[in-house]
Amino acid sequence: MSVIFDATHFAHMTGGDRPLQLEVIGMFRAQVSSWAAVLSPDTETGACRAAVHTLKGSARGIGLWALAETCESTETAFDAEGAEIGAALADLHAALAVALTALDAFEHE
């Protein structure tokens, strides 16, 4: 699996500006909160897939490579006929929890 959080990439994207980094992390957390209910096998497939795709882009922007990779695998599961979307979304939620823990650690450095 990929690196969970690439702080070097994040520093590059934010110019190493600590207040900006904390603001970006706050915005990411707010987005995650709004997507949480949509990232469910009970959600209409198009809406769920759109949330996964958006989360993938946000994860890449911050340097959450493992989460982005899991999002990509989840998108692939949506494309596979007969795939177990529930299992893919469970993996996504687990990767998201790990990513948020990594961001917690970064915030408290």
N, C-alpha and C. Protein backbone atom coordinates (compact mmCIF):
# COMPACT_ATOMS: atom_id res chain seq x y z
N MET A 1 0.85 -1.19 0.00
CA MET A 1 0.00 0.00 0.00
C MET A 1 0.88 1.24 0.00
N SER A 2 0.35 2.30 -0.47
CA SER A 2 1.06 3.57 -0.55
C SER A 2 1.27 4.20 0.81
N VAL A 3 2.04 5.25 0.79
CA VAL A 3 2.26 6.07 1.98
C VAL A 3 0.91 6.61 2.44
N ILE A 4 0.70 6.62 3.75
CA ILE A 4 -0.58 7.12 4.27
C ILE A 4 -0.68 8.62 4.07
N PHE A 5 0.33 9.36 4.52
CA PHE A 5 0.31 10.82 4.41
C PHE A 5 1.70 11.30 4.03
N ASP A 6 1.79 12.01 2.93
CA ASP A 6 3.04 12.54 2.41
C ASP A 6 3.15 14.01 2.83
N ALA A 7 3.77 14.24 3.97
CA ALA A 7 3.88 15.60 4.50
C ALA A 7 4.73 16.49 3.60
N THR A 8 5.68 15.91 2.88
CA THR A 8 6.50 16.70 1.96
C THR A 8 5.65 17.24 0.82
N HIS A 9 4.79 16.41 0.27
CA HIS A 9 3.88 16.85 -0.80
C HIS A 9 2.95 17.95 -0.27
N PHE A 10 2.41 17.72 0.91
CA PHE A 10 1.49 18.69 1.51
C PHE A 10 2.20 20.02 1.75
N ALA A 11 3.43 19.97 2.23
CA ALA A 11 4.21 21.20 2.44
C ALA A 11 4.44 21.92 1.12
N HIS A 12 4.72 21.16 0.07
CA HIS A 12 4.92 21.75 -1.26
C HIS A 12 3.63 22.43 -1.74
N MET A 13 2.51 21.77 -1.55
CA MET A 13 1.23 22.30 -2.03
C MET A 13 0.79 23.54 -1.25
N THR A 14 1.26 23.67 -0.02
CA THR A 14 0.83 24.79 0.84
C THR A 14 1.96 25.79 1.08
N GLY A 15 3.08 25.60 0.41
CA GLY A 15 4.20 26.50 0.61
C GLY A 15 4.76 26.43 2.02
N GLY A 16 4.48 25.35 2.73
CA GLY A 16 4.96 25.18 4.09
C GLY A 16 4.30 26.12 5.10
N ASP A 17 3.23 26.76 4.69
CA ASP A 17 2.51 27.72 5.54
C ASP A 17 1.64 26.95 6.53
N ARG A 18 2.08 26.89 7.79
CA ARG A 18 1.39 26.09 8.80
C ARG A 18 -0.07 26.51 9.00
N PRO A 19 -0.38 27.80 9.14
CA PRO A 19 -1.80 28.17 9.27
C PRO A 19 -2.63 27.72 8.06
N LEU A 20 -2.06 27.82 6.86
CA LEU A 20 -2.78 27.36 5.67
C LEU A 20 -2.97 25.85 5.71
N GLN A 21 -1.96 25.11 6.14
CA GLN A 21 -2.07 23.67 6.25
C GLN A 21 -3.22 23.28 7.18
N LEU A 22 -3.28 23.95 8.32
CA LEU A 22 -4.35 23.64 9.28
C LEU A 22 -5.72 24.00 8.71
N GLU A 23 -5.78 25.08 7.96
CA GLU A 23 -7.05 25.47 7.32
C GLU A 23 -7.47 24.42 6.28
N VAL A 24 -6.52 23.97 5.48
CA VAL A 24 -6.82 22.96 4.45
C VAL A 24 -7.29 21.66 5.11
N ILE A 25 -6.63 21.26 6.17
CA ILE A 25 -7.04 20.05 6.88
C ILE A 25 -8.45 20.23 7.44
N GLY A 26 -8.75 21.39 7.97
CA GLY A 26 -10.09 21.67 8.47
C GLY A 26 -11.14 21.57 7.37
N MET A 27 -10.82 22.10 6.20
CA MET A 27 -11.76 22.02 5.06
C MET A 27 -11.94 20.57 4.63
N PHE A 28 -10.84 19.80 4.62
CA PHE A 28 -10.93 18.39 4.25
C PHE A 28 -11.84 17.65 5.23
N ARG A 29 -11.65 17.90 6.52
CA ARG A 29 -12.48 17.25 7.53
C ARG A 29 -13.96 17.62 7.35
N ALA A 30 -14.24 18.87 7.04
CA ALA A 30 -15.63 19.31 6.82
C ALA A 30 -16.23 18.58 5.62
N GLN A 31 -15.44 18.44 4.55
CA GLN A 31 -15.93 17.72 3.39
C GLN A 31 -16.20 16.26 3.73
N VAL A 32 -15.29 15.65 4.47
CA VAL A 32 -15.46 14.25 4.87
C VAL A 32 -16.75 14.08 5.67
N SER A 33 -17.01 15.01 6.56
CA SER A 33 -18.25 14.93 7.36
C SER A 33 -19.48 14.95 6.47
N SER A 34 -19.45 15.78 5.44
CA SER A 34 -20.62 15.85 4.55
C SER A 34 -20.73 14.63 3.65
N TRP A 35 -19.62 13.97 3.34
CA TRP A 35 -19.65 12.79 2.48
C TRP A 35 -19.97 11.51 3.25
N ALA A 36 -19.76 11.50 4.54
CA ALA A 36 -19.87 10.26 5.33
C ALA A 36 -21.19 9.53 5.08
N ALA A 37 -22.28 10.25 5.07
CA ALA A 37 -23.58 9.61 4.87
C ALA A 37 -23.76 9.07 3.46
N VAL A 38 -23.07 9.67 2.51
CA VAL A 38 -23.21 9.28 1.11
C VAL A 38 -22.37 8.05 0.79
N LEU A 39 -21.31 7.82 1.55
CA LEU A 39 -20.40 6.70 1.29
C LEU A 39 -20.98 5.42 1.89
N SER A 40 -22.10 4.99 1.33
CA SER A 40 -22.83 3.84 1.84
C SER A 40 -23.42 3.06 0.68
N PRO A 41 -23.48 1.73 0.80
CA PRO A 41 -24.10 0.94 -0.27
C PRO A 41 -25.59 1.23 -0.41
N ASP A 42 -26.19 1.88 0.59
CA ASP A 42 -27.61 2.22 0.52
C ASP A 42 -27.86 3.49 -0.29
N THR A 43 -26.81 4.23 -0.58
CA THR A 43 -26.93 5.48 -1.34
C THR A 43 -27.03 5.15 -2.82
N GLU A 44 -27.75 5.98 -3.54
CA GLU A 44 -27.84 5.83 -4.99
C GLU A 44 -26.42 5.75 -5.56
N THR A 45 -26.19 4.80 -6.44
CA THR A 45 -24.85 4.50 -6.94
C THR A 45 -24.14 5.72 -7.51
N GLY A 46 -24.82 6.52 -8.30
CA GLY A 46 -24.18 7.69 -8.92
C GLY A 46 -23.70 8.69 -7.88
N ALA A 47 -24.50 8.93 -6.86
CA ALA A 47 -24.12 9.88 -5.81
C ALA A 47 -22.95 9.34 -5.00
N CYS A 48 -22.98 8.06 -4.70
CA CYS A 48 -21.91 7.45 -3.92
C CYS A 48 -20.61 7.48 -4.72
N ARG A 49 -20.70 7.10 -5.97
CA ARG A 49 -19.51 7.09 -6.82
C ARG A 49 -18.94 8.50 -6.97
N ALA A 50 -19.79 9.50 -7.12
CA ALA A 50 -19.33 10.89 -7.24
C ALA A 50 -18.60 11.32 -5.97
N ALA A 51 -19.12 10.92 -4.81
CA ALA A 51 -18.46 11.27 -3.55
C ALA A 51 -17.10 10.59 -3.45
N VAL A 52 -17.01 9.33 -3.86
CA VAL A 52 -15.74 8.60 -3.84
C VAL A 52 -14.74 9.30 -4.76
N HIS A 53 -15.18 9.68 -5.93
CA HIS A 53 -14.30 10.34 -6.90
C HIS A 53 -13.80 11.69 -6.36
N THR A 54 -14.69 12.45 -5.75
CA THR A 54 -14.31 13.74 -5.18
C THR A 54 -13.34 13.55 -4.02
N LEU A 55 -13.60 12.55 -3.19
CA LEU A 55 -12.71 12.25 -2.07
C LEU A 55 -11.33 11.87 -2.58
N LYS A 56 -11.28 11.11 -3.67
CA LYS A 56 -10.00 10.71 -4.26
C LYS A 56 -9.18 11.94 -4.65
N GLY A 57 -9.82 12.89 -5.30
CA GLY A 57 -9.11 14.11 -5.71
C GLY A 57 -8.62 14.92 -4.52
N SER A 58 -9.46 15.04 -3.52
CA SER A 58 -9.07 15.79 -2.32
C SER A 58 -7.91 15.09 -1.60
N ALA A 59 -7.98 13.77 -1.52
CA ALA A 59 -6.91 13.01 -0.87
C ALA A 59 -5.59 13.20 -1.61
N ARG A 60 -5.63 13.17 -2.92
CA ARG A 60 -4.41 13.38 -3.71
C ARG A 60 -3.84 14.78 -3.49
N GLY A 61 -4.70 15.76 -3.41
CA GLY A 61 -4.23 17.13 -3.22
C GLY A 61 -3.50 17.32 -1.91
N ILE A 62 -3.93 16.59 -0.88
CA ILE A 62 -3.32 16.72 0.44
C ILE A 62 -2.11 15.80 0.59
N GLY A 63 -2.05 14.75 -0.19
CA GLY A 63 -0.95 13.79 -0.05
C GLY A 63 -1.33 12.56 0.73
N LEU A 64 -2.63 12.27 0.76
CA LEU A 64 -3.12 11.05 1.42
C LEU A 64 -3.18 9.94 0.36
N TRP A 65 -2.00 9.42 0.02
CA TRP A 65 -1.88 8.50 -1.12
C TRP A 65 -2.63 7.19 -0.90
N ALA A 66 -2.56 6.62 0.29
CA ALA A 66 -3.23 5.34 0.52
C ALA A 66 -4.75 5.49 0.41
N LEU A 67 -5.27 6.59 0.91
CA LEU A 67 -6.71 6.84 0.80
C LEU A 67 -7.10 7.02 -0.67
N ALA A 68 -6.32 7.78 -1.41
CA ALA A 68 -6.60 7.98 -2.84
C ALA A 68 -6.58 6.65 -3.58
N GLU A 69 -5.62 5.80 -3.24
CA GLU A 69 -5.52 4.48 -3.87
C GLU A 69 -6.76 3.63 -3.55
N THR A 70 -7.22 3.69 -2.32
CA THR A 70 -8.42 2.94 -1.92
C THR A 70 -9.65 3.49 -2.63
N CYS A 71 -9.72 4.80 -2.78
CA CYS A 71 -10.83 5.41 -3.54
C CYS A 71 -10.83 4.89 -4.98
N GLU A 72 -9.64 4.80 -5.55
CA GLU A 72 -9.53 4.30 -6.93
C GLU A 72 -10.01 2.85 -7.02
N SER A 73 -9.64 2.04 -6.03
CA SER A 73 -10.11 0.64 -6.00
C SER A 73 -11.63 0.57 -5.85
N THR A 74 -12.17 1.49 -5.07
CA THR A 74 -13.63 1.53 -4.88
C THR A 74 -14.32 1.91 -6.19
N GLU A 75 -13.75 2.87 -6.91
CA GLU A 75 -14.31 3.24 -8.22
C GLU A 75 -14.28 2.03 -9.16
N THR A 76 -13.21 1.27 -9.10
CA THR A 76 -13.10 0.07 -9.94
C THR A 76 -14.18 -0.93 -9.57
N ALA A 77 -14.47 -1.05 -8.28
CA ALA A 77 -15.52 -1.96 -7.83
C ALA A 77 -16.89 -1.54 -8.38
N PHE A 78 -17.11 -0.23 -8.47
CA PHE A 78 -18.37 0.24 -9.06
C PHE A 78 -18.48 -0.20 -10.51
N ASP A 79 -17.34 -0.26 -11.22
CA ASP A 79 -17.34 -0.62 -12.64
C ASP A 79 -17.45 -2.13 -12.87
N ALA A 80 -17.04 -2.92 -11.88
CA ALA A 80 -17.03 -4.37 -12.05
C ALA A 80 -18.44 -4.95 -11.86
N GLU A 81 -18.85 -5.70 -12.82
CA GLU A 81 -20.17 -6.32 -12.74
C GLU A 81 -20.18 -7.34 -11.62
N GLY A 82 -21.14 -7.23 -10.73
CA GLY A 82 -21.27 -8.18 -9.63
C GLY A 82 -20.31 -7.93 -8.47
N ALA A 83 -19.60 -6.82 -8.51
CA ALA A 83 -18.63 -6.53 -7.44
C ALA A 83 -19.35 -6.27 -6.13
N GLU A 84 -18.67 -6.53 -5.05
CA GLU A 84 -19.22 -6.28 -3.73
C GLU A 84 -18.89 -4.85 -3.32
N ILE A 85 -19.80 -3.95 -3.60
CA ILE A 85 -19.61 -2.53 -3.29
C ILE A 85 -19.52 -2.32 -1.78
N GLY A 86 -20.30 -3.07 -1.03
CA GLY A 86 -20.27 -2.94 0.43
C GLY A 86 -18.88 -3.18 0.99
N ALA A 87 -18.19 -4.21 0.50
CA ALA A 87 -16.84 -4.51 0.98
C ALA A 87 -15.87 -3.40 0.57
N ALA A 88 -16.02 -2.92 -0.64
CA ALA A 88 -15.14 -1.84 -1.11
C ALA A 88 -15.35 -0.58 -0.29
N LEU A 89 -16.59 -0.27 0.04
CA LEU A 89 -16.87 0.91 0.85
C LEU A 89 -16.39 0.73 2.29
N ALA A 90 -16.45 -0.49 2.80
CA ALA A 90 -15.91 -0.76 4.14
C ALA A 90 -14.40 -0.53 4.15
N ASP A 91 -13.71 -0.97 3.10
CA ASP A 91 -12.28 -0.71 2.98
C ASP A 91 -12.01 0.79 2.91
N LEU A 92 -12.86 1.50 2.19
CA LEU A 92 -12.71 2.95 2.06
C LEU A 92 -12.87 3.63 3.41
N HIS A 93 -13.87 3.24 4.17
CA HIS A 93 -14.07 3.83 5.50
C HIS A 93 -12.86 3.55 6.41
N ALA A 94 -12.29 2.35 6.31
CA ALA A 94 -11.11 2.01 7.11
C ALA A 94 -9.92 2.87 6.70
N ALA A 95 -9.72 3.04 5.40
CA ALA A 95 -8.62 3.88 4.91
C ALA A 95 -8.82 5.33 5.31
N LEU A 96 -10.06 5.77 5.30
CA LEU A 96 -10.37 7.14 5.71
C LEU A 96 -10.04 7.34 7.19
N ALA A 97 -10.37 6.37 8.02
CA ALA A 97 -10.06 6.48 9.45
C ALA A 97 -8.55 6.56 9.67
N VAL A 98 -7.79 5.77 8.94
CA VAL A 98 -6.33 5.81 9.05
C VAL A 98 -5.81 7.17 8.58
N ALA A 99 -6.36 7.68 7.49
CA ALA A 99 -5.93 8.98 6.97
C ALA A 99 -6.21 10.09 7.97
N LEU A 100 -7.38 10.06 8.58
CA LEU A 100 -7.73 11.10 9.56
C LEU A 100 -6.83 11.01 10.79
N THR A 101 -6.45 9.81 11.17
CA THR A 101 -5.52 9.64 12.29
C THR A 101 -4.16 10.24 11.93
N ALA A 102 -3.72 10.03 10.70
CA ALA A 102 -2.45 10.61 10.26
C ALA A 102 -2.52 12.14 10.26
N LEU A 103 -3.65 12.69 9.85
CA LEU A 103 -3.81 14.14 9.88
C LEU A 103 -3.83 14.66 11.31
N ASP A 104 -4.45 13.91 12.22
CA ASP A 104 -4.43 14.28 13.65
C ASP A 104 -2.99 14.40 14.14
N ALA A 105 -2.17 13.40 13.81
CA ALA A 105 -0.77 13.40 14.24
C ALA A 105 -0.03 14.60 13.65
N PHE A 106 -0.28 14.88 12.38
CA PHE A 106 0.37 16.03 11.73
C PHE A 106 -0.05 17.34 12.40
N GLU A 107 -1.31 17.47 12.71
CA GLU A 107 -1.81 18.70 13.35
C GLU A 107 -1.16 18.94 14.71
N HIS A 108 -0.81 17.87 15.39
CA HIS A 108 -0.27 17.99 16.74
C HIS A 108 1.25 17.95 16.80
N GLU A 109 1.90 18.02 15.64
CA GLU A 109 3.37 18.05 15.61
C GLU A 109 3.88 19.37 16.13
